Protein backbone atom coordinates (compact mmCIF):
# COMPACT_ATOMS: atom_id res chain seq x y z
CA MET A 1 4.56 5.76 12.59
CA ARG A 2 8.09 5.50 14.01
CA VAL A 3 10.44 2.54 13.76
CA TYR A 4 10.02 0.00 16.59
CA PRO A 5 12.92 -2.25 17.70
CA ASP A 6 10.75 -5.11 16.38
CA CYS A 7 11.16 -3.66 12.87
CA ILE A 8 14.91 -4.29 12.73
CA PRO A 9 14.85 -8.08 12.08
CA CYS A 10 12.21 -7.40 9.41
CA PHE A 11 14.55 -4.91 7.70
CA LEU A 12 17.24 -7.57 7.39
CA ARG A 13 14.76 -10.19 6.16
CA GLN A 14 13.46 -7.76 3.55
CA ALA A 15 16.99 -6.99 2.37
CA LEU A 16 17.86 -10.68 2.02
CA GLU A 17 14.64 -11.52 0.17
CA ALA A 18 15.21 -8.69 -2.28
CA ALA A 19 18.84 -9.73 -2.84
CA ARG A 20 17.82 -13.35 -3.45
CA ARG A 21 15.42 -12.25 -6.17
CA VAL A 22 18.37 -10.91 -8.13
CA THR A 23 21.34 -13.13 -7.34
CA GLU A 24 22.21 -16.55 -5.95
CA ASN A 25 25.69 -15.30 -5.11
CA ARG A 26 25.98 -15.61 -1.32
CA LYS A 27 28.85 -13.14 -1.18
CA GLU A 28 26.67 -10.45 -2.75
CA GLN A 29 23.76 -11.38 -0.48
CA ARG A 30 26.06 -11.07 2.54
CA GLU A 31 27.32 -7.71 1.30
CA VAL A 32 23.74 -6.43 1.08
CA LEU A 33 23.03 -7.57 4.64
CA SER A 34 26.24 -5.99 5.93
CA GLU A 35 25.46 -2.67 4.24
CA VAL A 36 21.90 -2.63 5.57
CA ALA A 37 23.00 -3.62 9.08
CA ALA A 38 25.50 -0.74 9.05
CA LEU A 39 22.62 1.70 8.46
CA ILE A 40 20.70 0.68 11.58
CA PRO A 41 22.85 2.36 14.30
CA GLY A 42 22.48 5.71 12.53
CA LEU A 43 18.70 5.44 12.11
CA PRO A 44 17.15 8.70 13.42
CA MET A 45 14.70 8.39 16.32
CA ASP A 46 11.96 9.94 14.18
CA ALA A 47 12.54 7.61 11.22
CA THR A 48 9.61 5.63 9.84
CA PRO A 49 9.72 2.08 8.45
CA VAL A 50 9.20 3.69 5.05
CA ASP A 51 12.46 5.65 5.44
CA MET A 52 14.36 2.47 6.18
CA GLY A 53 12.61 0.56 3.41
CA ARG A 54 13.79 3.18 0.96
CA GLU A 55 17.40 2.78 2.14
CA ILE A 56 17.22 -1.01 2.05
CA HIS A 57 16.23 -1.14 -1.59
CA ARG A 58 18.62 1.62 -2.61
CA THR A 59 21.33 -0.55 -1.04
CA VAL A 60 20.19 -3.68 -2.88
CA ASN A 61 20.22 -1.77 -6.15
CA ALA A 62 23.65 -0.31 -5.49
CA VAL A 63 25.30 -3.60 -4.48
CA ILE A 64 23.69 -5.91 -7.03
CA GLY A 65 22.76 -3.49 -9.79
CA SER A 66 19.07 -4.28 -10.20
CA VAL A 67 16.52 -1.48 -10.25
CA ASP A 68 13.36 -3.62 -10.29
CA PRO A 69 13.87 -7.12 -8.81
CA TYR A 70 10.11 -7.57 -8.35
CA ARG A 71 9.15 -6.83 -11.96
CA GLU A 72 8.08 -10.39 -12.81
CA VAL A 73 6.13 -11.03 -9.61
CA LYS A 74 4.28 -7.73 -10.07
CA LYS A 75 3.07 -8.81 -13.50
CA GLU A 76 2.16 -12.24 -12.13
CA TYR A 77 -0.12 -10.79 -9.46
CA ASN A 78 -1.60 -8.17 -11.76
CA ASP A 79 -2.55 -11.04 -14.07
CA ARG A 80 -3.92 -13.17 -11.21
CA ALA A 81 -6.09 -10.33 -9.96
CA LEU A 82 -7.32 -9.50 -13.47
CA LEU A 83 -8.52 -13.10 -13.82
CA LEU A 84 -10.52 -12.69 -10.60
CA TYR A 85 -11.88 -9.28 -11.60
CA PRO A 86 -15.10 -10.39 -13.43
CA GLN A 87 -16.32 -12.63 -10.61
CA LEU A 88 -15.40 -10.09 -7.93
CA LYS A 89 -17.26 -7.35 -9.82
CA GLN A 90 -20.31 -9.62 -9.88
CA ARG A 91 -20.07 -10.26 -6.15
CA VAL A 92 -19.92 -6.53 -5.52
CA LYS A 93 -22.88 -5.93 -7.81
CA ASN A 94 -24.96 -8.62 -6.05
CA SER A 95 -24.15 -7.50 -2.50
CA PRO A 96 -26.52 -5.44 -0.31
CA ASP A 97 -23.92 -2.66 -0.03
CA SER A 98 -21.69 -2.62 -3.09
CA LEU A 99 -19.30 0.05 -1.82
CA LEU A 100 -18.72 -1.73 1.48
CA THR A 101 -18.10 -5.03 -0.29
CA ALA A 102 -15.64 -3.37 -2.68
CA ILE A 103 -13.78 -1.76 0.23
CA LYS A 104 -13.51 -5.09 2.05
CA LEU A 105 -12.20 -6.73 -1.13
CA ALA A 106 -9.57 -4.03 -1.55
CA ALA A 107 -8.48 -4.36 2.09
CA ALA A 108 -8.23 -8.14 1.74
CA GLY A 109 -6.19 -7.70 -1.45
CA ASN A 110 -3.58 -5.80 0.56
CA VAL A 111 -2.21 -9.23 1.50
CA ILE A 112 -0.14 -9.00 -1.75
CA ASP A 113 2.80 -7.36 0.01
CA PHE A 114 6.30 -8.66 -0.65
CA GLY A 115 7.75 -6.10 1.77
CA VAL A 116 6.15 -7.94 4.68
CA GLY A 117 6.66 -11.46 3.33
CA ALA A 118 6.22 -13.70 0.33
CA LYS A 119 3.82 -16.27 1.84
CA PHE A 120 0.13 -15.51 1.40
CA ASP A 121 -3.03 -16.84 -0.24
CA LEU A 122 -4.96 -14.17 -2.15
CA SER A 123 -8.17 -16.18 -2.62
CA GLN A 124 -8.23 -17.20 1.05
CA SER A 125 -7.66 -13.59 2.13
CA ILE A 126 -10.53 -12.41 -0.08
CA GLU A 127 -12.99 -14.98 1.27
CA LYS A 128 -11.97 -14.25 4.85
CA GLY A 129 -12.18 -10.50 4.29
CA LEU A 130 -15.70 -10.69 2.89
CA ARG A 131 -16.86 -12.56 6.00
CA GLU A 132 -15.28 -10.16 8.49
CA LYS A 133 -16.14 -6.74 9.81
CA LEU A 134 -13.75 -3.88 9.21
CA VAL A 135 -11.76 -3.02 12.34
CA GLY A 136 -12.52 0.52 13.52
CA PHE A 137 -15.50 0.40 11.20
CA ASP A 138 -15.24 4.01 10.12
CA TYR A 139 -17.34 3.19 7.08
CA ALA A 140 -20.27 5.31 8.27
CA LEU A 141 -17.92 8.28 8.62
CA LEU A 142 -16.48 7.62 5.16
CA LYS A 143 -19.97 7.63 3.64
CA GLU A 144 -20.72 10.88 5.45
CA ARG A 145 -17.54 12.48 4.09
CA LEU A 146 -18.30 11.21 0.60
CA GLU A 147 -21.51 13.21 0.65
CA GLN A 148 -19.45 16.36 1.27
CA VAL A 149 -16.83 16.04 -1.48
CA GLU A 150 -16.69 15.65 -5.23
CA GLU A 151 -13.05 14.61 -5.55
CA ILE A 152 -11.07 11.86 -3.80
CA LEU A 153 -7.35 11.19 -3.66
CA TYR A 154 -6.64 7.45 -3.53
CA LEU A 155 -3.06 6.42 -2.68
CA GLY A 156 -2.26 3.02 -4.16
CA ASP A 157 0.03 0.43 -2.63
CA ASN A 158 0.86 -2.84 -4.38
CA ALA A 159 0.59 -4.47 -7.78
CA GLY A 160 -2.17 -7.06 -7.99
CA GLU A 161 -4.29 -5.39 -5.35
CA ILE A 162 -4.54 -2.38 -7.67
CA VAL A 163 -7.19 -4.40 -9.55
CA LEU A 164 -9.29 -4.52 -6.37
CA ASP A 165 -8.65 -0.83 -5.80
CA LYS A 166 -10.06 -0.29 -9.28
CA ILE A 167 -13.32 -1.93 -8.20
CA VAL A 168 -13.59 0.53 -5.28
CA ILE A 169 -12.87 3.43 -7.60
CA GLU A 170 -15.49 2.25 -10.08
CA GLU A 171 -18.00 2.29 -7.21
CA LEU A 172 -16.96 5.84 -6.31
CA VAL A 173 -17.18 6.97 -9.93
CA SER A 174 -20.67 5.46 -10.18
CA ARG A 175 -21.55 7.84 -7.33
CA GLU A 176 -20.34 10.74 -9.49
CA LYS A 177 -17.03 11.17 -7.68
CA LYS A 178 -13.82 12.14 -9.45
CA VAL A 179 -10.89 10.02 -8.28
CA THR A 180 -7.17 10.62 -8.61
CA PHE A 181 -5.12 7.44 -8.14
CA VAL A 182 -1.52 7.83 -6.96
CA VAL A 183 1.41 5.53 -7.72
CA ARG A 184 5.07 5.47 -6.67
CA GLY A 185 7.64 7.50 -8.55
CA LYS A 186 9.99 4.56 -9.17
CA PRO A 187 9.87 0.76 -8.90
CA ILE A 188 10.35 -0.45 -5.31
CA ILE A 189 9.36 -3.88 -3.98
CA ASN A 190 6.00 -4.75 -5.59
CA ASP A 191 4.54 -1.26 -5.20
CA VAL A 192 2.42 0.17 -8.01
CA THR A 193 3.92 2.38 -10.70
CA LEU A 194 2.50 4.16 -13.73
CA LYS A 195 3.23 1.02 -15.73
CA ASP A 196 1.08 -1.13 -13.42
CA ALA A 197 -1.76 1.40 -13.51
CA SER A 198 -1.72 1.40 -17.30
CA TYR A 199 -1.54 -2.43 -17.42
CA VAL A 200 -4.76 -2.84 -15.41
CA GLU A 201 -6.40 0.15 -17.19
CA MET A 202 -6.75 2.20 -14.04
CA ASP A 203 -6.38 5.27 -16.25
CA LYS A 204 -9.79 4.51 -17.79
CA VAL A 205 -11.60 5.12 -14.49
CA ALA A 206 -9.33 7.56 -12.63
CA ASN A 207 -6.83 10.30 -13.17
CA VAL A 208 -3.49 8.55 -12.50
CA ILE A 209 -0.53 10.52 -11.14
CA SER A 210 2.83 9.77 -9.56
CA SER A 211 3.78 10.97 -6.08
CA GLY A 212 7.41 11.09 -7.20
CA CYS A 213 8.20 9.03 -4.09
CA ASP A 214 10.87 6.32 -4.40
CA ALA A 215 10.07 4.76 -1.01
CA PRO A 216 7.75 1.80 -0.25
CA GLY A 217 5.03 4.11 1.04
CA THR A 218 4.09 7.76 0.92
CA THR A 219 6.34 10.03 2.94
CA LEU A 220 6.03 13.67 1.93
CA ARG A 221 9.77 14.39 2.24
CA TYR A 222 10.37 12.15 -0.78
CA CYS A 223 7.41 13.32 -2.89
CA ASP A 224 7.50 15.91 -5.65
CA SER A 225 6.05 19.38 -5.24
CA ASP A 226 3.06 18.78 -7.54
CA PHE A 227 1.91 15.83 -5.46
CA ILE A 228 2.49 17.66 -2.17
CA GLU A 229 0.28 20.48 -3.44
CA THR A 230 -2.44 18.03 -4.48
CA PHE A 231 -2.20 16.20 -1.16
CA GLY A 232 -2.46 19.46 0.77
CA LYS A 233 -5.61 20.53 -1.06
CA SER A 234 -7.42 17.19 -0.91
CA LYS A 235 -10.53 17.02 1.24
CA LEU A 236 -10.74 13.22 1.35
CA ILE A 237 -7.77 10.87 1.03
CA ILE A 238 -7.92 7.08 1.03
CA ALA A 239 -4.44 5.73 1.83
CA LYS A 240 -4.00 2.06 1.02
CA GLY A 241 -1.68 -0.37 2.74
CA HIS A 242 1.06 -0.58 5.37
CA GLY A 243 3.52 1.77 3.67
CA ASN A 244 1.05 4.61 3.31
CA PHE A 245 -0.08 4.16 6.91
CA GLU A 246 3.50 4.07 8.19
CA GLY A 247 4.44 7.19 6.25
CA LEU A 248 1.32 9.29 6.80
CA SER A 249 -0.14 8.30 10.19
CA GLU A 250 1.19 11.49 11.79
CA GLU A 251 0.00 13.83 9.03
CA ASP A 252 -2.96 16.00 10.05
CA ARG A 253 -5.03 15.49 6.92
CA PRO A 254 -8.49 14.03 6.12
CA LEU A 255 -7.16 10.49 5.78
CA PHE A 256 -8.83 7.10 5.75
CA PHE A 257 -6.36 4.23 6.05
CA LEU A 258 -7.44 1.02 4.32
CA LEU A 259 -5.30 -2.09 4.81
CA LYS A 260 -4.87 -5.66 5.95
CA VAL A 261 -2.78 -5.87 9.13
CA LYS A 262 0.24 -8.05 8.46
CA CYS A 263 2.62 -7.46 11.38
CA PRO A 264 2.38 -7.04 15.18
CA VAL A 265 3.83 -3.51 15.10
CA VAL A 266 1.13 -2.14 12.80
CA ALA A 267 -1.44 -4.14 14.76
CA ALA A 268 -0.35 -2.39 17.96
CA GLU A 269 -0.50 1.04 16.31
CA LEU A 270 -4.05 0.42 15.08
CA GLY A 271 -5.37 -1.51 18.07
CA ALA A 272 -6.11 -4.43 15.77
CA THR A 273 -4.98 -8.02 15.37
CA VAL A 274 -2.70 -9.47 12.71
CA GLY A 275 -4.83 -10.64 9.78
CA SER A 276 -7.68 -8.19 10.32
CA ILE A 277 -8.87 -5.72 7.68
CA VAL A 278 -9.02 -2.08 8.69
CA LEU A 279 -10.72 1.12 7.61
CA ARG A 280 -9.54 3.78 10.05
CA ALA A 281 -10.16 7.52 9.87
CA LYS A 282 -7.64 10.12 11.00
CA VAL A 283 -9.55 12.49 13.30
CA LYS A 284 -8.13 15.61 14.96
CA GLY A 285 -4.52 14.54 14.51
CA LYS A 286 -5.05 11.15 16.18
CA MET A 287 -5.83 7.61 15.09
C-alpha cells in the first residue's frame, strides 16, 4: 500500500504523540515535528506508510534519545489482555466455531494500536467484534487452505493483542498445525518484540522468531535474510494489523490479512468501513 496524501497529517500526529511520551519540552517536540516535516517532500512515490513510520520513530529517537517510549504502555496492555485471557478462552471454547470466534477476537484486539491513535476501548471492541461478521469473509478459504498445510507463519502486530493472537494459535495447534510467530526486530511504537512474546508465553505454543525489521510493520527491505527465506517458503501466512497490511499488500504470497480497520485510507484499500474487522485473502496478486 502506497502513501496517500491523507497519511501526511497522521505522520505529524504520530511524531508528536511519540515525542510527548518522552519529553514535556516543547522545543524538543517542535524539533521532532520540524525534522519529520522536512522528510515529507522527499518521500518516494512508491513509499509505504510503514517506510515513513520507520523514519518518524528513528527521528524521535535521534532528537530526544529514547529507544522505546512505549515500553510502559506495552506492558500495561499485555497485562490487561492477560487478565481477559481466561474468560476469552472460555468464550472460544463454548462457541459453535471456536476458530472463527478466536479469529474475530484477535481482529478486534487489533484496536490496541498507538500508531493510529491512543483513544480506544478494548472491551468494547471485543464485544462489538464478536457480534459482527468479518469483512471479506474469507474464512471459508482460510479453512480450505488450512487443510492443505501443516505449517503457518503468523506475523504479529501489537503488544496486548498478542494475547488474543495466542488464542488463535492455540486453536491452530489443537488442529495439529505448527505455527511460527513473528515479532519486530527492535522496539517501535507498541509493536511486539521478543520480550513481549516471552512475557505472554507465546513461546510455549509457537516457534517465535524476529523478522529483523525495525519498522512498524513488515516490509521485506528491512527484514533479515533468515526471515525473508522463511517468508518466501511459507505456504500460508496470516499477517496481523495495519502495518503488516501496509507493508505486504503488494507481495504476491499466500497471505491472509487480519485486522481492525482504523483509518479511512486502509478502509478504502480494503473496501471496508472504519471500525470493521477484516479477514482478507491475497489472491492472484490482488486484494
